Amino acid sequence: MTRPTRLANVAIAAVAVLLALAATELVVRRLVPPIEGYYVIAPGTSWRVVSTGADGRPHTSQFHVNRDGLRGRPVPGDSTEYRLLAIGGSTTECGGLDDSVVWTHLVETGLTLHRGSAVWVGNAGKDGSTTRDHVLHLRYLLRQYPHMNAVIALVGVNDMLSALRRGSSDAAPAPSTEAELHHAFAVVPARAAHWYQRTGLWRLARRLWHSHQSYDVRERATSGLAQARARRAKLGATVDSLPRLTSAIAEFTRNLNEMINLADVAGARLVLVTQPTVWRDRMSASEQARLWFGWIGADWRDTRAYYTTGALARAMALYNQALLDVCKRRALSCIDAAPIIPRDSAVFVDDMHLTERGSRLLAGALVTTFPFRF
């Protein structure tokens, strides 16, 4: 076969593939219409966490995101229900806890009993989110889910850890921009998406990816989590002095004020909550073995040093106090949960993520101190 003939055959095959893709794209676009909304986690996301319980038997937890892109019941159509949207990072998301024991669900049931009529709580927490993301969350979600009575925000730890990883800085970062939408949201409307994200094939692939995820915590513990803990144990926590955090806390304060403003415009009241953690001075070796946060630099895999638990506790206290200061200046009712939750391993899985007992304690604290009359 001559070279021109081979090239002609390749060209014909390429055209055939392109035509097939185009035809498939047209069909898929009709079958999988675009999602017109902003979602912190893709609607329908589901996973199963298998762990070993205290009795040595396997324990399974289910994580499910409803059609509205929230963990919990769908947004109610009944306007008599008190509506509360929860935002935050992984300590709000609680990806390792079952839907029935995540603190947002327990707050819903607790406030319903306290009120004597229905309360709805939707969980929009997302792993790694900071107040930069939460500004965007409130800007778009309060339009998308109208008639929210209140927003509860458990925030601060991701801002603090991000600042420690960056080190000292003389200037606070610029305010959140629309360019950060793809970090704040897993799904954005087609008009705000990249070109390839507007294709039907991309939408189908994402739907299949998010339709079901299952992982075994015991398997994960032998890889990423165990490696992170092992690296911290190997290097040791040696840095006890904090970098200058003035500009970082100024950014945190600015974001909190913008969150308050956005909630006010939407007619919702914002409840800010201080972040509980396990960190304290002079933690035992067994307690330290459960920790893995506090590295210096962008990634724990490349870090050469960690902050001590005493330094982390002091940094967290600075951020929690900054939150309380904003509450005082803005005459805002907030919940200081950090001193209420015990700092022990029965309450925390690691540095700041809650066990089932910790989730119940936090929910109880929020229900009993919830600042609004219904």
Protein backbone atom coordinates (compact mmCIF):
# COMPACT_ATOMS: atom_id res chain seq x y z
CA MET A 1 0.00 0.00 0.00
CA THR A 2 1.42 3.38 -1.00
CA ARG A 3 1.95 6.17 1.48
CA PRO A 4 -0.77 8.45 -0.01
CA THR A 5 -3.25 5.58 0.28
CA ARG A 6 -2.32 5.02 3.91
CA LEU A 7 -2.74 8.73 4.64
CA ALA A 8 -6.10 8.74 2.91
CA ASN A 9 -7.26 5.78 5.02
CA VAL A 10 -6.11 7.52 8.21
CA ALA A 11 -7.96 10.66 7.19
CA ILE A 12 -11.13 8.71 6.45
CA ALA A 13 -10.89 6.92 9.80
CA ALA A 14 -10.35 10.24 11.61
CA VAL A 15 -13.37 11.79 9.90
CA ALA A 16 -15.45 8.72 10.78
CA VAL A 17 -14.44 8.99 14.43
CA LEU A 18 -15.26 12.69 14.51
CA LEU A 19 -18.65 12.10 12.91
CA ALA A 20 -19.38 9.31 15.40
CA LEU A 21 -18.41 11.58 18.30
CA ALA A 22 -20.56 14.37 16.92
CA ALA A 23 -23.55 12.06 16.56
CA THR A 24 -23.00 10.68 20.07
CA GLU A 25 -22.72 14.21 21.43
CA LEU A 26 -26.05 15.19 19.90
CA VAL A 27 -27.78 12.14 21.37
CA VAL A 28 -26.21 12.58 24.81
CA ARG A 29 -27.13 16.28 24.91
CA ARG A 30 -30.78 15.30 24.59
CA LEU A 31 -30.53 12.52 27.17
CA VAL A 32 -28.37 14.43 29.69
CA PRO A 33 -29.51 18.06 29.79
CA PRO A 34 -27.15 20.60 31.39
CA ILE A 35 -27.47 21.32 35.10
CA GLU A 36 -28.50 24.94 35.51
CA GLY A 37 -27.29 25.74 38.96
CA TYR A 38 -24.37 26.11 41.34
CA TYR A 39 -23.59 23.02 43.40
CA VAL A 40 -20.88 22.70 46.03
CA ILE A 41 -21.03 18.92 45.52
CA ALA A 42 -22.61 17.36 42.42
CA PRO A 43 -26.25 16.27 42.91
CA GLY A 44 -26.53 12.52 43.37
CA THR A 45 -22.98 12.08 44.69
CA SER A 46 -22.91 9.05 46.95
CA TRP A 47 -20.27 7.01 48.68
CA ARG A 48 -19.92 4.32 51.30
CA VAL A 49 -17.31 4.31 54.05
CA VAL A 50 -16.41 0.99 55.66
CA SER A 51 -14.48 1.05 58.91
CA THR A 52 -13.87 -1.19 61.90
CA GLY A 53 -16.09 -0.37 64.87
CA ALA A 54 -15.15 -0.47 68.53
CA ASP A 55 -16.49 -4.04 68.67
CA GLY A 56 -14.11 -5.10 65.89
CA ARG A 57 -16.91 -5.55 63.37
CA PRO A 58 -17.20 -3.71 60.03
CA HIS A 59 -19.19 -0.50 60.27
CA THR A 60 -20.67 1.12 57.17
CA SER A 61 -21.51 4.80 56.80
CA GLN A 62 -23.47 6.26 53.91
CA PHE A 63 -22.87 9.69 52.40
CA HIS A 64 -25.49 10.98 49.98
CA VAL A 65 -26.06 14.31 48.26
CA ASN A 66 -29.65 15.02 47.21
CA ARG A 67 -30.96 16.39 43.94
CA ASP A 68 -30.44 19.94 45.22
CA GLY A 69 -26.72 19.33 45.72
CA LEU A 70 -27.02 19.31 49.51
CA ARG A 71 -26.58 16.67 52.16
CA GLY A 72 -29.95 16.14 53.83
CA ARG A 73 -33.56 16.27 52.77
CA PRO A 74 -34.42 18.08 49.54
CA VAL A 75 -35.20 21.77 49.93
CA PRO A 76 -38.76 21.82 51.32
CA GLY A 77 -41.64 23.20 49.34
CA ASP A 78 -43.51 24.00 52.55
CA SER A 79 -42.77 27.61 53.43
CA THR A 80 -43.68 26.99 57.10
CA GLU A 81 -40.49 25.00 57.66
CA TYR A 82 -37.65 27.00 59.19
CA ARG A 83 -34.82 26.76 56.64
CA LEU A 84 -31.18 26.69 57.67
CA LEU A 85 -28.24 26.31 55.25
CA ALA A 86 -24.94 25.03 56.69
CA ILE A 87 -21.66 25.98 55.02
CA GLY A 88 -18.06 25.17 55.88
CA GLY A 89 -15.22 22.83 55.00
CA SER A 90 -14.74 19.15 55.75
CA THR A 91 -15.77 19.63 59.39
CA THR A 92 -19.21 20.59 58.05
CA GLU A 93 -19.23 18.04 55.23
CA CYS A 94 -18.23 15.20 57.63
CA GLY A 95 -17.51 12.79 54.79
CA GLY A 96 -16.71 9.87 57.09
CA LEU A 97 -19.94 10.03 59.10
CA ASP A 98 -23.26 8.47 58.19
CA ASP A 99 -26.09 10.71 57.01
CA SER A 100 -27.99 9.87 60.20
CA VAL A 101 -25.28 11.12 62.58
CA VAL A 102 -23.74 14.09 60.75
CA TRP A 103 -24.16 17.11 63.03
CA THR A 104 -26.29 19.03 60.53
CA HIS A 105 -28.90 16.26 60.55
CA LEU A 106 -28.81 16.12 64.35
CA VAL A 107 -29.27 19.90 64.51
CA GLU A 108 -32.30 19.55 62.23
CA THR A 109 -33.93 16.96 64.47
CA GLY A 110 -32.92 18.77 67.66
CA LEU A 111 -34.24 22.17 66.58
CA THR A 112 -37.44 20.53 65.30
CA LEU A 113 -38.06 19.09 68.77
CA HIS A 114 -37.12 22.39 70.40
CA ARG A 115 -39.38 24.40 68.09
CA GLY A 116 -42.25 21.96 68.03
CA SER A 117 -42.54 22.26 64.26
CA ALA A 118 -40.43 21.33 61.26
CA VAL A 119 -36.89 22.67 60.77
CA TRP A 120 -34.88 21.89 57.64
CA VAL A 121 -31.07 21.93 57.52
CA GLY A 122 -29.19 21.55 54.24
CA ASN A 123 -25.47 20.72 54.41
CA ALA A 124 -23.37 22.53 51.77
CA GLY A 125 -20.00 21.75 53.36
CA LYS A 126 -17.09 20.97 51.07
CA ASP A 127 -13.66 19.60 51.89
CA GLY A 128 -10.95 22.29 51.74
CA SER A 129 -13.27 25.30 51.53
CA THR A 130 -12.15 28.59 53.05
CA THR A 131 -14.05 31.81 53.65
CA ARG A 132 -12.99 32.90 50.15
CA ASP A 133 -15.16 30.04 48.86
CA HIS A 134 -17.92 30.77 51.36
CA VAL A 135 -18.30 34.31 50.03
CA LEU A 136 -19.06 32.77 46.63
CA HIS A 137 -21.26 30.10 48.21
CA LEU A 138 -23.50 32.72 49.79
CA ARG A 139 -23.46 34.95 46.72
CA TYR A 140 -24.97 32.18 44.56
CA LEU A 141 -26.64 29.66 46.85
CA LEU A 142 -28.86 32.19 48.61
CA ARG A 143 -30.25 33.15 45.20
CA GLN A 144 -30.63 29.52 44.18
CA TYR A 145 -32.26 28.38 47.43
CA PRO A 146 -34.55 31.31 48.29
CA HIS A 147 -36.30 31.95 51.59
CA MET A 148 -33.47 30.74 53.79
CA ASN A 149 -34.10 31.88 57.34
CA ALA A 150 -30.54 31.43 58.52
CA VAL A 151 -27.07 30.28 57.50
CA ILE A 152 -24.78 28.49 59.95
CA ALA A 153 -21.07 28.70 59.16
CA LEU A 154 -18.47 26.54 60.94
CA VAL A 155 -15.33 28.24 59.63
CA GLY A 156 -11.74 29.17 60.34
CA VAL A 157 -9.58 26.07 60.36
CA ASN A 158 -8.95 25.92 56.61
CA ASP A 159 -8.19 29.67 56.51
CA MET A 160 -5.76 29.21 59.37
CA LEU A 161 -3.98 26.17 57.92
CA SER A 162 -3.73 27.87 54.53
CA ALA A 163 -2.12 30.91 56.16
CA LEU A 164 0.38 28.75 58.04
CA ARG A 165 1.34 26.93 54.86
CA ARG A 166 1.93 30.26 53.08
CA GLY A 167 3.93 31.78 55.94
CA SER A 168 4.28 35.49 56.69
CA SER A 169 2.79 38.01 54.29
CA ASP A 170 2.53 41.79 54.45
CA ALA A 171 -0.58 42.07 52.30
CA ALA A 172 -3.93 40.33 52.47
CA PRO A 173 -4.97 38.57 49.24
CA ALA A 174 -7.49 40.31 47.01
CA PRO A 175 -11.19 39.60 47.54
CA SER A 176 -12.76 36.50 45.98
CA THR A 177 -13.38 36.74 42.24
CA GLU A 178 -15.56 34.90 39.75
CA ALA A 179 -12.41 33.16 38.50
CA GLU A 180 -12.52 31.09 41.70
CA LEU A 181 -15.97 29.65 40.99
CA HIS A 182 -14.52 26.31 39.92
CA HIS A 183 -12.80 25.93 43.28
CA ALA A 184 -15.87 26.90 45.28
CA PHE A 185 -18.30 24.72 43.30
CA ALA A 186 -18.10 21.22 41.86
CA VAL A 187 -20.77 22.15 39.30
CA VAL A 188 -21.51 25.55 37.77
CA PRO A 189 -24.11 26.48 35.12
CA ALA A 190 -23.18 25.83 31.50
CA ARG A 191 -22.81 29.57 30.86
CA ALA A 192 -20.07 29.75 33.51
CA ALA A 193 -18.33 26.48 32.61
CA HIS A 194 -15.29 25.84 30.45
CA TRP A 195 -16.08 24.89 26.85
CA TYR A 196 -15.46 21.17 27.35
CA GLN A 197 -17.67 21.17 30.45
CA ARG A 198 -20.58 22.30 28.28
CA THR A 199 -20.49 19.13 26.17
CA GLY A 200 -22.97 16.32 26.69
CA LEU A 201 -20.17 13.74 26.84
CA TRP A 202 -18.51 15.61 29.71
CA ARG A 203 -21.83 15.84 31.57
CA LEU A 204 -22.44 12.12 31.07
CA ALA A 205 -18.95 11.22 32.30
CA ARG A 206 -19.37 13.38 35.43
CA ARG A 207 -22.80 11.91 36.13
CA LEU A 208 -21.42 8.39 35.93
CA TRP A 209 -18.45 9.34 38.10
CA HIS A 210 -20.60 10.90 40.80
CA SER A 211 -23.39 8.32 40.65
CA HIS A 212 -21.62 6.06 43.14
CA GLN A 213 -18.27 6.05 44.86
CA SER A 214 -17.23 3.43 47.40
CA TYR A 215 -14.04 3.20 49.34
CA ASP A 216 -12.85 1.29 52.35
CA VAL A 217 -11.30 3.37 55.12
CA ARG A 218 -9.04 0.46 56.03
CA GLU A 219 -7.65 0.45 52.48
CA ARG A 220 -7.27 4.21 52.44
CA ALA A 221 -5.51 4.09 55.81
CA THR A 222 -2.77 1.98 54.28
CA SER A 223 -2.15 4.62 51.63
CA GLY A 224 -2.74 8.36 51.81
CA LEU A 225 -3.86 8.89 55.39
CA ALA A 226 -1.34 6.46 56.86
CA GLN A 227 1.44 7.98 54.74
CA ALA A 228 0.54 11.48 55.91
CA ARG A 229 0.56 10.40 59.55
CA ALA A 230 3.81 8.50 59.06
CA ARG A 231 5.51 11.52 57.52
CA ARG A 232 4.46 13.73 60.41
CA ALA A 233 5.73 11.14 62.89
CA LYS A 234 9.02 10.80 61.02
CA LEU A 235 9.75 14.52 60.75
CA GLY A 236 8.32 15.42 64.12
CA ALA A 237 6.54 18.63 65.02
CA THR A 238 9.37 21.05 65.67
CA VAL A 239 8.20 24.57 64.75
CA ASP A 240 6.64 26.23 67.77
CA SER A 241 6.71 29.87 66.62
CA LEU A 242 3.97 31.23 64.38
CA PRO A 243 4.52 33.37 61.28
CA ARG A 244 3.06 36.86 61.21
CA LEU A 245 -0.67 36.32 60.65
CA THR A 246 -1.87 39.93 60.71
CA SER A 247 -2.71 40.19 57.00
CA ALA A 248 -4.16 36.66 56.86
CA ILE A 249 -6.50 37.37 59.76
CA ALA A 250 -7.42 40.68 58.10
CA GLU A 251 -8.46 38.70 55.01
CA PHE A 252 -10.45 36.27 57.19
CA THR A 253 -12.19 39.21 58.88
CA ARG A 254 -12.96 40.84 55.53
CA ASN A 255 -14.50 37.63 54.22
CA LEU A 256 -16.63 37.17 57.34
CA ASN A 257 -17.99 40.71 56.97
CA GLU A 258 -18.81 40.07 53.31
CA MET A 259 -20.61 36.86 54.29
CA ILE A 260 -22.69 38.81 56.79
CA ASN A 261 -23.53 41.41 54.13
CA LEU A 262 -24.59 38.75 51.61
CA ALA A 263 -26.81 37.02 54.15
CA ASP A 264 -28.40 40.35 55.11
CA VAL A 265 -29.21 41.14 51.46
CA ALA A 266 -30.87 37.73 51.10
CA GLY A 267 -32.89 38.22 54.27
CA ALA A 268 -31.10 35.41 56.11
CA ARG A 269 -29.36 35.66 59.46
CA LEU A 270 -25.81 34.37 59.68
CA VAL A 271 -24.71 32.23 62.62
CA LEU A 272 -20.91 32.05 62.84
CA VAL A 273 -19.46 29.15 64.82
CA THR A 274 -15.91 28.86 66.18
CA GLN A 275 -13.94 25.79 65.11
CA PRO A 276 -13.22 23.10 67.74
CA THR A 277 -9.99 21.11 67.34
CA VAL A 278 -8.05 18.55 69.35
CA TRP A 279 -4.83 20.64 69.45
CA ARG A 280 -3.30 21.56 72.80
CA ASP A 281 0.10 21.66 74.46
CA ARG A 282 1.82 18.46 75.55
CA MET A 283 -0.28 15.86 73.75
CA SER A 284 0.73 12.24 74.32
CA ALA A 285 2.55 10.14 71.71
CA SER A 286 -0.59 8.06 71.04
CA GLU A 287 -2.62 11.24 70.53
CA GLN A 288 0.03 12.70 68.25
CA ALA A 289 0.00 9.52 66.13
CA ARG A 290 -3.57 10.30 65.02
CA LEU A 291 -2.65 13.74 63.67
CA TRP A 292 -1.49 14.70 60.18
CA PHE A 293 -2.15 18.42 59.68
CA GLY A 294 0.14 21.36 60.36
CA TRP A 295 2.75 20.96 57.63
CA ILE A 296 4.70 23.92 56.25
CA GLY A 297 4.52 24.44 52.49
CA ALA A 298 2.05 23.56 49.77
CA ASP A 299 1.94 19.76 50.19
CA TRP A 300 2.61 17.40 53.08
CA ARG A 301 4.49 15.09 50.71
CA ASP A 302 7.20 17.72 50.23
CA THR A 303 7.22 19.33 53.66
CA ARG A 304 10.32 19.39 55.84
CA ALA A 305 8.69 20.55 59.06
CA TYR A 306 5.45 20.64 61.05
CA TYR A 307 4.05 23.05 63.59
CA THR A 308 3.68 21.79 67.14
CA THR A 309 0.21 21.17 68.50
CA GLY A 310 0.75 24.08 70.86
CA ALA A 311 1.46 26.42 67.94
CA LEU A 312 -1.58 25.10 66.05
CA ALA A 313 -3.76 25.63 69.12
CA ARG A 314 -2.55 29.24 69.45
CA ALA A 315 -3.15 29.91 65.75
CA MET A 316 -6.66 28.44 65.91
CA ALA A 317 -7.39 30.56 68.97
CA LEU A 318 -6.40 33.69 67.03
CA TYR A 319 -8.83 32.85 64.24
CA ASN A 320 -11.64 31.92 66.62
CA GLN A 321 -11.11 35.20 68.47
CA ALA A 322 -11.16 37.11 65.18
CA LEU A 323 -14.53 35.52 64.43
CA LEU A 324 -15.88 36.48 67.85
CA ASP A 325 -14.57 40.03 67.37
CA VAL A 326 -16.51 40.32 64.10
CA CYS A 327 -19.62 39.08 65.89
CA LYS A 328 -19.19 41.73 68.55
CA ARG A 329 -18.56 44.59 66.11
CA ARG A 330 -21.51 43.60 63.92
CA ALA A 331 -23.81 42.84 66.87
CA LEU A 332 -24.17 39.32 65.52
CA SER A 333 -25.23 36.35 67.62
CA CYS A 334 -22.58 33.67 67.28
CA ILE A 335 -21.85 30.32 68.88
CA ASP A 336 -18.49 29.75 70.55
CA ALA A 337 -18.32 25.97 70.15
CA ALA A 338 -14.53 25.60 70.48
CA PRO A 339 -14.36 25.65 74.32
CA ILE A 340 -17.45 23.44 74.65
CA ILE A 341 -16.12 20.39 72.74
CA PRO A 342 -13.58 18.28 74.71
CA ARG A 343 -10.14 17.99 73.13
CA ASP A 344 -9.73 14.23 73.20
CA SER A 345 -9.54 11.29 70.81
CA ALA A 346 -13.04 10.09 71.66
CA VAL A 347 -14.36 13.26 70.04
CA PHE A 348 -11.91 13.76 67.14
CA VAL A 349 -10.80 11.27 64.49
CA ASP A 350 -7.67 13.34 63.83
CA ASP A 351 -6.84 17.04 64.24
CA MET A 352 -10.33 18.48 63.75
CA HIS A 353 -12.68 15.94 62.16
CA LEU A 354 -15.36 14.65 64.50
CA THR A 355 -16.20 11.12 65.58
CA GLU A 356 -19.87 10.17 65.93
CA ARG A 357 -19.68 11.18 69.58
CA GLY A 358 -18.09 14.50 68.63
CA SER A 359 -20.81 15.12 66.05
CA ARG A 360 -23.46 14.57 68.70
CA LEU A 361 -21.70 16.88 71.14
CA LEU A 362 -21.40 19.66 68.56
CA ALA A 363 -25.03 19.28 67.50
CA GLY A 364 -26.14 19.41 71.12
CA ALA A 365 -24.13 22.56 71.71
CA LEU A 366 -25.58 24.23 68.61
CA VAL A 367 -29.16 23.29 69.45
CA THR A 368 -28.99 24.48 73.06
CA THR A 369 -27.27 27.77 72.17
CA PHE A 370 -28.97 28.52 68.84
CA PRO A 371 -29.44 32.29 69.04
CA PHE A 372 -32.70 32.89 67.15
CA ARG A 373 -36.28 32.67 68.18
CA PHE A 374 -38.42 30.79 65.70
